[in-house]
Structure formats: C-alpha cells, structure tokens
Amino acid sequence: MSSQSGPGRPRDGSIDDRVLAATRELLTQGGFQELSMRLVAQRSGVTRASLARRWPTKAALVLDAVLGQTPDMTPFTGTDVYGWIDFVVRGSHELFSRPEMRAAAPGLTMALQEDPELGRSLWKRFTGPAVELFSEDVGAQTAEERRSAELDARAVVIMAAGAAMYLTTIAADDDSAEIEERIVELLTTGYQAASAKRDSAT
C-alpha cells in the first residue's frame, strides 16, 4: 500500500526490501501493537522520513510486509476455473499460516476497520486481477455474464479467506490437509451446482 514515487530520483528497491523484512521480523517478535515506525526505522537502518514517504501509516506498511506490494498472479497461469478455486483456498491458507500474518492479523483487522478506505484499496488491489482471470476462465462475454462471474469470484475469495483465517486461529485443532481438501471440494461442487442451476434457468 505504499505511495507511488513521483518525479525525481528512481525509488531504491533495496530500501523497500530492508524495511519490509524488518517489519516482518518485528511482527513475529512483538505483534502489531508493539510495532512502531521508529522500531522499523532502527531495525532496517532507514530514516523515519523515508518510511513516511513510502508508507503513510503503520497499517499500510504492515499490509505490504505481509501481503507483498503487488499480487502474485503466477499460480493462476494456465489454470481453469477449478484450478483457480483450488489456488484461492490453498493460497489463503498458506498466507494466514505465516508467522508474520498470525502476529499481524488481530491488530491489522482493527486498523482496517478504523480506515475503511485502506481496506477498500486493499480489496480492489488484490482481488481485481484474480476476479478478471476468473471471468476469463468461465468465458464471460456479455456484461451480465461478467457481472455474474465477478460475483462468483468475489464470493469464493471471501469464503476461502474467511475459512483460512478461522481455521488458523479459532479452529486451529482442525487445521489439517484433510479439512483444506474438503473446503476445496465444497467450494468447487458448490460453484458447479450454482452455475448449472443458473444455466438451466436461462
């Protein structure tokens, strides 16, 4: 969620790398509440002014540290709609299983509630490209078909991410490959049934 660099000297990517690595380390050591821009600056060797130019808030910095600055679309390459669903489920679980995400999630959730615009930006940035690929996978052509496909894609992302968060926190005793496989199966068959029902109604 870093700000875009303006005219002038090119942005130094090595600074970003150091800052984001330091942020992840500090999250695993003290959690979101104990993290501060001052500590990140000290750990990374970057001035607080440089941090502020890149990340206006702690929440924006943490989002980039735990999610990455741009979504990685590589796993979707060459997949069909069922491969798309499979990756969304497994990718969400892998994300919420990371130590830095576990440490950040409670405080980050509160921060996003306090800054709805940051949450909207996050949702658009990370779901937009995936939703577009889903629409392509199902062959959506008309405006209504694209709208329906986008609703399906967003619903799957919400259910997969919600299940991953719940499974890695509250239901941690049931966190297993078997449960993950069942979630993939249920979302896949659910999508198939809903899609077939819509097709039969037209």
N, C-alpha and C. Protein backbone atom coordinates (compact mmCIF):
# COMPACT_ATOMS: atom_id res chain seq x y z
N MET A 1 0.83 -1.20 0.00
CA MET A 1 0.00 0.00 0.00
C MET A 1 0.87 1.25 0.00
N SER A 2 2.09 1.12 -0.46
CA SER A 2 3.00 2.26 -0.46
C SER A 2 2.56 3.27 -1.50
N SER A 3 2.95 4.52 -1.26
CA SER A 3 2.61 5.56 -2.22
C SER A 3 3.49 5.44 -3.45
N GLN A 4 2.98 5.91 -4.58
CA GLN A 4 3.76 5.86 -5.81
C GLN A 4 4.84 6.94 -5.77
N SER A 5 6.02 6.60 -6.27
CA SER A 5 7.10 7.59 -6.30
C SER A 5 6.83 8.59 -7.41
N GLY A 6 7.12 9.86 -7.14
CA GLY A 6 6.87 10.91 -8.11
C GLY A 6 8.10 11.18 -8.93
N PRO A 7 8.13 12.34 -9.61
CA PRO A 7 9.29 12.70 -10.43
C PRO A 7 10.53 12.84 -9.55
N GLY A 8 11.69 12.64 -10.16
CA GLY A 8 12.93 12.77 -9.41
C GLY A 8 13.73 11.49 -9.48
N ARG A 9 14.49 11.23 -8.43
CA ARG A 9 15.33 10.06 -8.42
C ARG A 9 14.49 8.78 -8.39
N PRO A 10 14.96 7.72 -9.08
CA PRO A 10 14.23 6.45 -9.04
C PRO A 10 14.16 5.92 -7.61
N ARG A 11 13.08 5.25 -7.31
CA ARG A 11 12.90 4.69 -5.98
C ARG A 11 13.87 3.53 -5.76
N ASP A 12 14.51 3.50 -4.62
CA ASP A 12 15.50 2.48 -4.29
C ASP A 12 14.78 1.25 -3.74
N GLY A 13 14.71 0.20 -4.55
CA GLY A 13 14.01 -1.01 -4.14
C GLY A 13 14.67 -1.70 -2.96
N SER A 14 15.98 -1.51 -2.79
CA SER A 14 16.67 -2.16 -1.67
C SER A 14 16.18 -1.62 -0.33
N ILE A 15 15.78 -0.35 -0.31
CA ILE A 15 15.23 0.23 0.92
C ILE A 15 13.91 -0.46 1.26
N ASP A 16 13.05 -0.62 0.27
CA ASP A 16 11.79 -1.32 0.49
C ASP A 16 12.03 -2.72 1.04
N ASP A 17 12.97 -3.44 0.43
CA ASP A 17 13.25 -4.81 0.86
C ASP A 17 13.69 -4.85 2.32
N ARG A 18 14.58 -3.94 2.71
CA ARG A 18 15.07 -3.91 4.09
C ARG A 18 13.95 -3.57 5.07
N VAL A 19 13.14 -2.60 4.69
CA VAL A 19 12.05 -2.17 5.57
C VAL A 19 11.02 -3.28 5.75
N LEU A 20 10.63 -3.91 4.66
CA LEU A 20 9.60 -4.95 4.74
C LEU A 20 10.11 -6.17 5.50
N ALA A 21 11.38 -6.52 5.31
CA ALA A 21 11.96 -7.64 6.06
C ALA A 21 12.01 -7.32 7.55
N ALA A 22 12.41 -6.10 7.89
CA ALA A 22 12.46 -5.69 9.29
C ALA A 22 11.07 -5.70 9.91
N THR A 23 10.07 -5.27 9.14
CA THR A 23 8.70 -5.25 9.64
C THR A 23 8.22 -6.66 9.95
N ARG A 24 8.50 -7.60 9.08
CA ARG A 24 8.09 -8.99 9.32
C ARG A 24 8.77 -9.56 10.56
N GLU A 25 10.05 -9.27 10.72
CA GLU A 25 10.78 -9.75 11.90
C GLU A 25 10.16 -9.18 13.18
N LEU A 26 9.90 -7.89 13.18
CA LEU A 26 9.36 -7.24 14.37
C LEU A 26 7.94 -7.72 14.68
N LEU A 27 7.17 -8.01 13.66
CA LEU A 27 5.82 -8.54 13.88
C LEU A 27 5.88 -9.87 14.61
N THR A 28 6.76 -10.75 14.18
CA THR A 28 6.85 -12.07 14.81
C THR A 28 7.39 -11.97 16.23
N GLN A 29 8.12 -10.92 16.52
CA GLN A 29 8.70 -10.76 17.86
C GLN A 29 7.76 -10.07 18.84
N GLY A 30 6.97 -9.11 18.36
CA GLY A 30 6.14 -8.36 19.30
C GLY A 30 4.71 -8.14 18.90
N GLY A 31 4.34 -8.54 17.69
CA GLY A 31 2.96 -8.35 17.25
C GLY A 31 2.71 -6.95 16.71
N PHE A 32 1.49 -6.74 16.23
CA PHE A 32 1.12 -5.48 15.60
C PHE A 32 1.16 -4.32 16.58
N GLN A 33 0.64 -4.52 17.78
CA GLN A 33 0.53 -3.42 18.73
C GLN A 33 1.89 -2.89 19.15
N GLU A 34 2.87 -3.77 19.28
CA GLU A 34 4.20 -3.35 19.72
C GLU A 34 5.04 -2.75 18.58
N LEU A 35 4.61 -2.99 17.36
CA LEU A 35 5.35 -2.47 16.21
C LEU A 35 5.19 -0.96 16.10
N SER A 36 6.25 -0.28 15.75
CA SER A 36 6.19 1.17 15.52
C SER A 36 7.09 1.53 14.35
N MET A 37 6.81 2.66 13.75
CA MET A 37 7.66 3.13 12.65
C MET A 37 9.08 3.38 13.15
N ARG A 38 9.20 3.83 14.38
CA ARG A 38 10.53 4.09 14.96
C ARG A 38 11.34 2.80 15.03
N LEU A 39 10.70 1.71 15.51
CA LEU A 39 11.41 0.44 15.61
C LEU A 39 11.79 -0.10 14.23
N VAL A 40 10.89 0.05 13.28
CA VAL A 40 11.19 -0.40 11.91
C VAL A 40 12.37 0.39 11.34
N ALA A 41 12.38 1.70 11.57
CA ALA A 41 13.48 2.53 11.09
C ALA A 41 14.81 2.08 11.70
N GLN A 42 14.79 1.82 13.01
CA GLN A 42 16.01 1.39 13.68
C GLN A 42 16.49 0.04 13.15
N ARG A 43 15.56 -0.91 13.01
CA ARG A 43 15.93 -2.26 12.58
C ARG A 43 16.43 -2.28 11.13
N SER A 44 15.83 -1.48 10.28
CA SER A 44 16.16 -1.51 8.85
C SER A 44 17.29 -0.56 8.48
N GLY A 45 17.60 0.40 9.36
CA GLY A 45 18.62 1.39 9.04
C GLY A 45 18.14 2.43 8.05
N VAL A 46 16.83 2.65 8.03
CA VAL A 46 16.22 3.63 7.13
C VAL A 46 15.63 4.75 7.98
N THR A 47 15.73 5.97 7.52
CA THR A 47 15.21 7.09 8.30
C THR A 47 13.69 7.06 8.36
N ARG A 48 13.14 7.62 9.43
CA ARG A 48 11.69 7.69 9.56
C ARG A 48 11.08 8.53 8.46
N ALA A 49 11.81 9.54 7.99
CA ALA A 49 11.31 10.37 6.89
C ALA A 49 11.13 9.53 5.63
N SER A 50 12.08 8.64 5.37
CA SER A 50 11.97 7.76 4.20
C SER A 50 10.79 6.82 4.35
N LEU A 51 10.58 6.31 5.57
CA LEU A 51 9.42 5.44 5.81
C LEU A 51 8.13 6.18 5.53
N ALA A 52 8.04 7.39 6.06
CA ALA A 52 6.80 8.16 5.93
C ALA A 52 6.50 8.51 4.48
N ARG A 53 7.53 8.70 3.68
CA ARG A 53 7.30 8.99 2.26
C ARG A 53 6.73 7.79 1.53
N ARG A 54 7.11 6.61 1.99
CA ARG A 54 6.67 5.39 1.31
C ARG A 54 5.37 4.83 1.89
N TRP A 55 5.23 4.88 3.20
CA TRP A 55 4.06 4.31 3.87
C TRP A 55 3.49 5.34 4.84
N PRO A 56 2.31 5.88 4.57
CA PRO A 56 1.76 6.94 5.41
C PRO A 56 1.32 6.47 6.79
N THR A 57 1.04 5.18 6.94
CA THR A 57 0.59 4.66 8.24
C THR A 57 1.25 3.32 8.52
N LYS A 58 1.22 2.93 9.78
CA LYS A 58 1.74 1.62 10.17
C LYS A 58 0.96 0.51 9.49
N ALA A 59 -0.35 0.65 9.40
CA ALA A 59 -1.17 -0.38 8.77
C ALA A 59 -0.79 -0.58 7.31
N ALA A 60 -0.54 0.52 6.59
CA ALA A 60 -0.14 0.42 5.19
C ALA A 60 1.19 -0.32 5.05
N LEU A 61 2.11 -0.04 5.96
CA LEU A 61 3.41 -0.72 5.95
C LEU A 61 3.24 -2.21 6.22
N VAL A 62 2.45 -2.55 7.22
CA VAL A 62 2.26 -3.95 7.58
C VAL A 62 1.59 -4.72 6.44
N LEU A 63 0.63 -4.11 5.78
CA LEU A 63 -0.02 -4.78 4.64
C LEU A 63 0.99 -5.14 3.56
N ASP A 64 1.88 -4.20 3.23
CA ASP A 64 2.89 -4.50 2.23
C ASP A 64 3.84 -5.59 2.72
N ALA A 65 4.14 -5.59 4.01
CA ALA A 65 5.08 -6.57 4.56
C ALA A 65 4.51 -7.98 4.54
N VAL A 66 3.23 -8.13 4.84
CA VAL A 66 2.66 -9.47 4.95
C VAL A 66 2.01 -9.96 3.65
N LEU A 67 1.59 -9.03 2.79
CA LEU A 67 0.91 -9.43 1.56
C LEU A 67 1.75 -9.23 0.31
N GLY A 68 2.76 -8.39 0.40
CA GLY A 68 3.50 -8.02 -0.79
C GLY A 68 2.94 -6.74 -1.37
N GLN A 69 3.73 -6.07 -2.17
CA GLN A 69 3.31 -4.78 -2.71
C GLN A 69 2.44 -4.93 -3.96
N THR A 70 2.53 -6.07 -4.61
CA THR A 70 1.67 -6.37 -5.76
C THR A 70 1.24 -7.83 -5.68
N PRO A 71 0.04 -8.15 -6.13
CA PRO A 71 -0.40 -9.55 -6.07
C PRO A 71 0.39 -10.42 -7.04
N ASP A 72 0.72 -11.62 -6.60
CA ASP A 72 1.44 -12.58 -7.45
C ASP A 72 0.41 -13.42 -8.21
N MET A 73 0.32 -13.19 -9.51
CA MET A 73 -0.67 -13.90 -10.32
C MET A 73 -0.10 -15.16 -10.97
N THR A 74 1.18 -15.45 -10.73
CA THR A 74 1.82 -16.59 -11.36
C THR A 74 1.08 -17.91 -11.13
N PRO A 75 0.61 -18.22 -9.90
CA PRO A 75 -0.05 -19.50 -9.68
C PRO A 75 -1.33 -19.70 -10.50
N PHE A 76 -1.91 -18.61 -11.00
CA PHE A 76 -3.14 -18.73 -11.79
C PHE A 76 -2.86 -19.04 -13.25
N THR A 77 -1.60 -18.93 -13.67
CA THR A 77 -1.26 -19.11 -15.07
C THR A 77 -1.60 -20.52 -15.55
N GLY A 78 -2.38 -20.59 -16.62
CA GLY A 78 -2.71 -21.88 -17.22
C GLY A 78 -3.76 -22.69 -16.49
N THR A 79 -4.40 -22.12 -15.47
CA THR A 79 -5.42 -22.87 -14.74
C THR A 79 -6.80 -22.65 -15.35
N ASP A 80 -7.72 -23.57 -15.05
CA ASP A 80 -9.11 -23.36 -15.38
C ASP A 80 -9.82 -22.84 -14.13
N VAL A 81 -11.13 -22.73 -14.18
CA VAL A 81 -11.85 -22.16 -13.04
C VAL A 81 -11.68 -23.00 -11.78
N TYR A 82 -11.56 -24.32 -11.93
CA TYR A 82 -11.41 -25.17 -10.75
C TYR A 82 -10.00 -25.08 -10.17
N GLY A 83 -9.02 -24.89 -11.04
CA GLY A 83 -7.67 -24.62 -10.55
C GLY A 83 -7.61 -23.28 -9.84
N TRP A 84 -8.40 -22.32 -10.33
CA TRP A 84 -8.49 -21.00 -9.70
C TRP A 84 -9.03 -21.14 -8.29
N ILE A 85 -10.12 -21.87 -8.13
CA ILE A 85 -10.71 -22.07 -6.80
C ILE A 85 -9.72 -22.78 -5.89
N ASP A 86 -9.07 -23.81 -6.41
CA ASP A 86 -8.11 -24.58 -5.62
C ASP A 86 -7.00 -23.68 -5.10
N PHE A 87 -6.45 -22.83 -5.97
CA PHE A 87 -5.35 -21.97 -5.51
C PHE A 87 -5.82 -20.93 -4.52
N VAL A 88 -7.00 -20.36 -4.73
CA VAL A 88 -7.50 -19.35 -3.79
C VAL A 88 -7.63 -19.94 -2.39
N VAL A 89 -8.13 -21.17 -2.29
CA VAL A 89 -8.26 -21.81 -0.98
C VAL A 89 -6.89 -22.09 -0.38
N ARG A 90 -6.03 -22.73 -1.14
CA ARG A 90 -4.72 -23.13 -0.60
C ARG A 90 -3.81 -21.91 -0.39
N GLY A 91 -3.89 -20.96 -1.29
CA GLY A 91 -3.09 -19.74 -1.13
C GLY A 91 -3.51 -18.94 0.09
N SER A 92 -4.83 -18.88 0.34
CA SER A 92 -5.32 -18.16 1.53
C SER A 92 -4.84 -18.85 2.79
N HIS A 93 -4.89 -20.18 2.80
CA HIS A 93 -4.45 -20.92 3.98
C HIS A 93 -2.96 -20.72 4.22
N GLU A 94 -2.17 -20.77 3.14
CA GLU A 94 -0.73 -20.56 3.29
C GLU A 94 -0.43 -19.17 3.83
N LEU A 95 -1.16 -18.17 3.34
CA LEU A 95 -0.96 -16.80 3.79
C LEU A 95 -1.25 -16.65 5.28
N PHE A 96 -2.41 -17.14 5.72
CA PHE A 96 -2.79 -16.96 7.11
C PHE A 96 -2.02 -17.87 8.07
N SER A 97 -1.26 -18.82 7.51
CA SER A 97 -0.42 -19.68 8.35
C SER A 97 0.96 -19.07 8.61
N ARG A 98 1.31 -18.04 7.87
CA ARG A 98 2.63 -17.42 8.07
C ARG A 98 2.72 -16.77 9.45
N PRO A 99 3.87 -16.89 10.12
CA PRO A 99 4.02 -16.31 11.46
C PRO A 99 3.75 -14.81 11.49
N GLU A 100 4.22 -14.09 10.48
CA GLU A 100 4.02 -12.64 10.48
C GLU A 100 2.55 -12.26 10.30
N MET A 101 1.81 -13.07 9.53
CA MET A 101 0.38 -12.80 9.37
C MET A 101 -0.38 -13.14 10.64
N ARG A 102 -0.03 -14.24 11.27
CA ARG A 102 -0.67 -14.59 12.55
C ARG A 102 -0.48 -13.46 13.56
N ALA A 103 0.73 -12.91 13.58
CA ALA A 103 1.03 -11.84 14.53
C ALA A 103 0.31 -10.54 14.18
N ALA A 104 0.15 -10.29 12.89
CA ALA A 104 -0.42 -9.02 12.45
C ALA A 104 -1.93 -9.00 12.43
N ALA A 105 -2.56 -10.15 12.20
CA ALA A 105 -3.99 -10.21 11.90
C ALA A 105 -4.90 -9.49 12.89
N PRO A 106 -4.78 -9.73 14.22
CA PRO A 106 -5.72 -9.07 15.14
C PRO A 106 -5.65 -7.54 15.08
N GLY A 107 -4.46 -6.99 15.19
CA GLY A 107 -4.31 -5.54 15.16
C GLY A 107 -4.61 -4.95 13.80
N LEU A 108 -4.24 -5.68 12.76
CA LEU A 108 -4.48 -5.19 11.40
C LEU A 108 -5.97 -5.14 11.09
N THR A 109 -6.71 -6.11 11.59
CA THR A 109 -8.17 -6.11 11.39
C THR A 109 -8.79 -4.86 12.00
N MET A 110 -8.37 -4.51 13.20
CA MET A 110 -8.88 -3.31 13.85
C MET A 110 -8.48 -2.05 13.08
N ALA A 111 -7.25 -2.02 12.60
CA ALA A 111 -6.77 -0.85 11.87
C ALA A 111 -7.56 -0.65 10.57
N LEU A 112 -7.91 -1.73 9.91
CA LEU A 112 -8.68 -1.63 8.67
C LEU A 112 -10.11 -1.18 8.94
N GLN A 113 -10.64 -1.54 10.10
CA GLN A 113 -11.97 -1.06 10.47
C GLN A 113 -11.95 0.45 10.71
N GLU A 114 -10.84 0.93 11.25
CA GLU A 114 -10.70 2.36 11.53
C GLU A 114 -10.37 3.17 10.27
N ASP A 115 -9.88 2.50 9.24
CA ASP A 115 -9.52 3.17 7.99
C ASP A 115 -10.17 2.43 6.82
N PRO A 116 -11.48 2.61 6.62
CA PRO A 116 -12.19 1.87 5.58
C PRO A 116 -11.61 2.06 4.18
N GLU A 117 -11.07 3.24 3.91
CA GLU A 117 -10.52 3.49 2.58
C GLU A 117 -9.31 2.59 2.30
N LEU A 118 -8.49 2.36 3.33
CA LEU A 118 -7.36 1.46 3.18
C LEU A 118 -7.85 0.04 2.89
N GLY A 119 -8.91 -0.36 3.58
CA GLY A 119 -9.48 -1.68 3.33
C GLY A 119 -10.03 -1.81 1.92
N ARG A 120 -10.71 -0.79 1.45
CA ARG A 120 -11.26 -0.83 0.09
C ARG A 120 -10.14 -0.91 -0.95
N SER A 121 -9.08 -0.14 -0.71
CA SER A 121 -7.94 -0.16 -1.62
C SER A 121 -7.29 -1.54 -1.65
N LEU A 122 -7.14 -2.15 -0.48
CA LEU A 122 -6.57 -3.49 -0.38
C LEU A 122 -7.41 -4.49 -1.15
N TRP A 123 -8.72 -4.46 -0.93
CA TRP A 123 -9.64 -5.40 -1.57
C TRP A 123 -9.57 -5.27 -3.09
N LYS A 124 -9.57 -4.05 -3.57
CA LYS A 124 -9.55 -3.81 -5.01
C LYS A 124 -8.22 -4.25 -5.61
N ARG A 125 -7.13 -3.93 -4.92
CA ARG A 125 -5.81 -4.21 -5.47
C ARG A 125 -5.54 -5.71 -5.57
N PHE A 126 -5.95 -6.47 -4.56
CA PHE A 126 -5.61 -7.88 -4.53
C PHE A 126 -6.68 -8.79 -5.12
N THR A 127 -7.90 -8.34 -5.24
CA THR A 127 -8.92 -9.20 -5.84
C THR A 127 -9.17 -8.86 -7.30
N GLY A 128 -8.93 -7.61 -7.69
CA GLY A 128 -9.23 -7.19 -9.05
C GLY A 128 -8.63 -8.08 -10.12
N PRO A 129 -7.30 -8.29 -10.13
CA PRO A 129 -6.70 -9.13 -11.16
C PRO A 129 -7.19 -10.58 -11.12
N ALA A 130 -7.39 -11.13 -9.91
CA ALA A 130 -7.86 -12.51 -9.79
C ALA A 130 -9.29 -12.65 -10.30
N VAL A 131 -10.12 -11.68 -9.99
CA VAL A 131 -11.51 -11.69 -10.46
C VAL A 131 -11.55 -11.62 -11.98
N GLU A 132 -10.70 -10.81 -12.55
CA GLU A 132 -10.65 -10.70 -14.01
C GLU A 132 -10.26 -12.02 -14.66
N LEU A 133 -9.30 -12.72 -14.06
CA LEU A 133 -8.89 -14.03 -14.58
C LEU A 133 -10.02 -15.04 -14.47
N PHE A 134 -10.77 -14.99 -13.37
CA PHE A 134 -11.90 -15.90 -13.19
C PHE A 134 -12.91 -15.69 -14.32
N SER A 135 -13.21 -14.44 -14.62
CA SER A 135 -14.16 -14.12 -15.69
C SER A 135 -13.68 -14.67 -17.03
N GLU A 136 -12.37 -14.59 -17.26
CA GLU A 136 -11.82 -15.15 -18.49
C GLU A 136 -11.93 -16.67 -18.50
N ASP A 137 -11.66 -17.30 -17.35
CA ASP A 137 -11.71 -18.76 -17.27
C ASP A 137 -13.11 -19.31 -17.57
N VAL A 138 -14.14 -18.59 -17.13
CA VAL A 138 -15.51 -19.09 -17.35
C VAL A 138 -16.07 -18.60 -18.68
N GLY A 139 -15.28 -17.85 -19.43
CA GLY A 139 -15.71 -17.40 -20.75
C GLY A 139 -16.81 -16.37 -20.73
N ALA A 140 -16.82 -15.51 -19.72
CA ALA A 140 -17.86 -14.47 -19.64
C ALA A 140 -17.70 -13.50 -20.80
N GLN A 141 -18.79 -13.28 -21.53
CA GLN A 141 -18.75 -12.42 -22.71
C GLN A 141 -19.60 -11.17 -22.53
N THR A 142 -20.85 -11.35 -22.15
CA THR A 142 -21.75 -10.21 -22.03
C THR A 142 -21.53 -9.51 -20.70
N ALA A 143 -22.10 -8.31 -20.59
CA ALA A 143 -21.99 -7.55 -19.34
C ALA A 143 -22.61 -8.32 -18.18
N GLU A 144 -23.74 -8.97 -18.42
CA GLU A 144 -24.40 -9.73 -17.36
C GLU A 144 -23.57 -10.95 -16.97
N GLU A 145 -22.97 -11.62 -17.94
CA GLU A 145 -22.12 -12.77 -17.64
C GLU A 145 -20.90 -12.34 -16.83
N ARG A 146 -20.31 -11.22 -17.20
CA ARG A 146 -19.15 -10.72 -16.45
C ARG A 146 -19.54 -10.34 -15.03
N ARG A 147 -20.70 -9.71 -14.88
CA ARG A 147 -21.16 -9.33 -13.55
C ARG A 147 -21.37 -10.58 -12.69
N SER A 148 -21.99 -11.61 -13.26
CA SER A 148 -22.23 -12.85 -12.52
C SER A 148 -20.91 -13.53 -12.15
N ALA A 149 -19.97 -13.56 -13.10
CA ALA A 149 -18.67 -14.19 -12.83
C ALA A 149 -17.91 -13.44 -11.74
N GLU A 150 -17.98 -12.13 -11.77
CA GLU A 150 -17.29 -11.33 -10.75
C GLU A 150 -17.89 -11.57 -9.37
N LEU A 151 -19.20 -11.70 -9.30
CA LEU A 151 -19.84 -12.01 -8.01
C LEU A 151 -19.40 -13.37 -7.51
N ASP A 152 -19.36 -14.36 -8.40
CA ASP A 152 -18.89 -15.70 -8.02
C ASP A 152 -17.46 -15.64 -7.50
N ALA A 153 -16.59 -14.94 -8.23
CA ALA A 153 -15.18 -14.88 -7.85
C ALA A 153 -15.00 -14.20 -6.50
N ARG A 154 -15.67 -13.08 -6.29
CA ARG A 154 -15.53 -12.39 -5.01
C ARG A 154 -16.08 -13.24 -3.86
N ALA A 155 -17.17 -13.95 -4.12
CA ALA A 155 -17.74 -14.81 -3.08
C ALA A 155 -16.76 -15.92 -2.70
N VAL A 156 -16.12 -16.51 -3.70
CA VAL A 156 -15.15 -17.58 -3.42
C VAL A 156 -13.96 -17.03 -2.63
N VAL A 157 -13.45 -15.87 -3.02
CA VAL A 157 -12.33 -15.27 -2.29
C VAL A 157 -12.72 -15.00 -0.83
N ILE A 158 -13.90 -14.46 -0.62
CA ILE A 158 -14.36 -14.16 0.74
C ILE A 158 -14.47 -15.43 1.57
N MET A 159 -15.08 -16.47 1.00
CA MET A 159 -15.24 -17.72 1.74
C MET A 159 -13.90 -18.40 2.00
N ALA A 160 -13.01 -18.39 1.01
CA ALA A 160 -11.71 -19.03 1.18
C ALA A 160 -10.86 -18.30 2.21
N ALA A 161 -10.82 -16.97 2.12
CA ALA A 161 -10.02 -16.20 3.07
C ALA A 161 -10.61 -16.28 4.47
N GLY A 162 -11.93 -16.21 4.57
CA GLY A 162 -12.57 -16.31 5.88
C GLY A 162 -12.33 -17.66 6.52
N ALA A 163 -12.43 -18.72 5.71
CA ALA A 163 -12.17 -20.06 6.23
C ALA A 163 -10.73 -20.20 6.69
N ALA A 164 -9.80 -19.64 5.91
CA ALA A 164 -8.38 -19.73 6.27
C ALA A 164 -8.10 -19.00 7.58
N MET A 165 -8.66 -17.81 7.74
CA MET A 165 -8.45 -17.06 8.97
C MET A 165 -9.03 -17.81 10.17
N TYR A 166 -10.24 -18.33 10.02
CA TYR A 166 -10.90 -19.05 11.12
C TYR A 166 -10.13 -20.33 11.45
N LEU A 167 -9.70 -21.05 10.41
CA LEU A 167 -9.04 -22.33 10.62
C LEU A 167 -7.68 -22.17 11.30
N THR A 168 -6.97 -21.11 10.99
CA THR A 168 -5.63 -20.93 11.56
C THR A 168 -5.64 -20.21 12.91
N THR A 169 -6.82 -19.81 13.36
CA THR A 169 -6.91 -19.13 14.66
C THR A 169 -7.86 -19.89 15.60
N ILE A 170 -9.14 -19.74 15.40
CA ILE A 170 -10.13 -20.31 16.31
C ILE A 170 -10.19 -21.83 16.22
N ALA A 171 -10.17 -22.36 15.00
CA ALA A 171 -10.32 -23.81 14.81
C ALA A 171 -8.98 -24.48 14.53
N ALA A 172 -7.94 -24.01 15.19
CA ALA A 172 -6.58 -24.49 14.90
C ALA A 172 -6.42 -25.99 15.11
N ASP A 173 -7.19 -26.59 16.02
CA ASP A 173 -7.10 -28.03 16.25
C ASP A 173 -7.56 -28.83 15.04
N ASP A 174 -8.38 -28.23 14.19
CA ASP A 174 -8.86 -28.90 12.98
C ASP A 174 -8.08 -28.48 11.73
N ASP A 175 -7.00 -27.75 11.92
CA ASP A 175 -6.20 -27.27 10.79
C ASP A 175 -5.41 -28.45 10.21
N SER A 176 -5.89 -29.02 9.13
CA SER A 176 -5.25 -30.19 8.54
C SER A 176 -5.43 -30.16 7.03
N ALA A 177 -4.61 -30.96 6.35
CA ALA A 177 -4.72 -31.06 4.89
C ALA A 177 -6.07 -31.63 4.50
N GLU A 178 -6.62 -32.50 5.33
CA GLU A 178 -7.92 -33.11 5.03
C GLU A 178 -9.03 -32.06 5.03
N ILE A 179 -9.02 -31.19 6.02
CA ILE A 179 -10.02 -30.11 6.08
C ILE A 179 -9.84 -29.16 4.90
N GLU A 180 -8.61 -28.83 4.60
CA GLU A 180 -8.35 -27.93 3.47
C GLU A 180 -8.87 -28.53 2.17
N GLU A 181 -8.63 -29.82 1.99
CA GLU A 181 -9.12 -30.51 0.79
C GLU A 181 -10.64 -30.49 0.73
N ARG A 182 -11.28 -30.66 1.87
CA ARG A 182 -12.74 -30.66 1.91
C ARG A 182 -13.30 -29.27 1.57
N ILE A 183 -12.62 -28.24 2.02
CA ILE A 183 -13.06 -26.87 1.69
C ILE A 183 -12.98 -26.65 0.18
N VAL A 184 -11.88 -27.10 -0.44
CA VAL A 184 -11.76 -27.00 -1.89
C VAL A 184 -12.90 -27.74 -2.57
N GLU A 185 -13.17 -28.95 -2.10
CA GLU A 185 -14.22 -29.78 -2.70
C GLU A 185 -15.59 -29.11 -2.59
N LEU A 186 -15.90 -28.59 -1.41
CA LEU A 186 -17.21 -27.98 -1.20
C LEU A 186 -17.38 -26.71 -2.03
N LEU A 187 -16.35 -25.89 -2.10
CA LEU A 187 -16.45 -24.68 -2.91
C LEU A 187 -16.54 -25.02 -4.39
N THR A 188 -15.81 -26.03 -4.82
CA THR A 188 -15.86 -26.43 -6.23
C THR A 188 -17.23 -26.98 -6.61
N THR A 189 -17.73 -27.93 -5.81
CA THR A 189 -19.04 -28.51 -6.13
C THR A 189 -20.15 -27.48 -5.95
N GLY A 190 -19.99 -26.59 -4.99
CA GLY A 190 -20.97 -25.53 -4.80
C GLY A 190 -21.03 -24.61 -6.00
N TYR A 191 -19.86 -24.26 -6.53
CA TYR A 191 -19.84 -23.42 -7.72
C TYR A 191 -20.45 -24.16 -8.91
N GLN A 192 -20.11 -25.43 -9.06
CA GLN A 192 -20.66 -26.22 -10.17
C GLN A 192 -22.18 -26.26 -10.10
N ALA A 193 -22.72 -26.51 -8.91
CA ALA A 193 -24.17 -26.61 -8.75
C ALA A 193 -24.85 -25.27 -9.03
N ALA A 194 -24.28 -24.19 -8.50
CA ALA A 194 -24.88 -22.87 -8.70
C ALA A 194 -24.82 -22.47 -10.17
N SER A 195 -23.71 -22.78 -10.83
CA SER A 195 -23.56 -22.45 -12.24
C SER A 195 -24.54 -23.24 -13.09
N ALA A 196 -24.69 -24.54 -12.79
CA ALA A 196 -25.63 -25.37 -13.54
C ALA A 196 -27.06 -24.90 -13.35
N LYS A 197 -27.39 -24.50 -12.14
CA LYS A 197 -28.74 -24.01 -11.85
C LYS A 197 -29.04 -22.75 -12.64
N ARG A 198 -28.08 -21.85 -12.70
CA ARG A 198 -28.28 -20.62 -13.47
C ARG A 198 -28.43 -20.91 -14.96
N ASP A 199 -27.61 -21.86 -15.45
CA ASP A 199 -27.68 -22.21 -16.87
C ASP A 199 -29.03 -22.80 -17.24
N SER A 200 -29.58 -23.63 -16.35
CA SER A 200 -30.86 -24.28 -16.63
C SER A 200 -32.02 -23.30 -16.59
N ALA A 201 -31.81 -22.18 -15.90
CA ALA A 201 -32.89 -21.19 -15.77
C ALA A 201 -32.94 -20.24 -16.96
N THR A 202 -31.90 -20.27 -17.79
CA THR A 202 -31.87 -19.35 -18.93
C THR A 202 -32.43 -20.00 -20.19
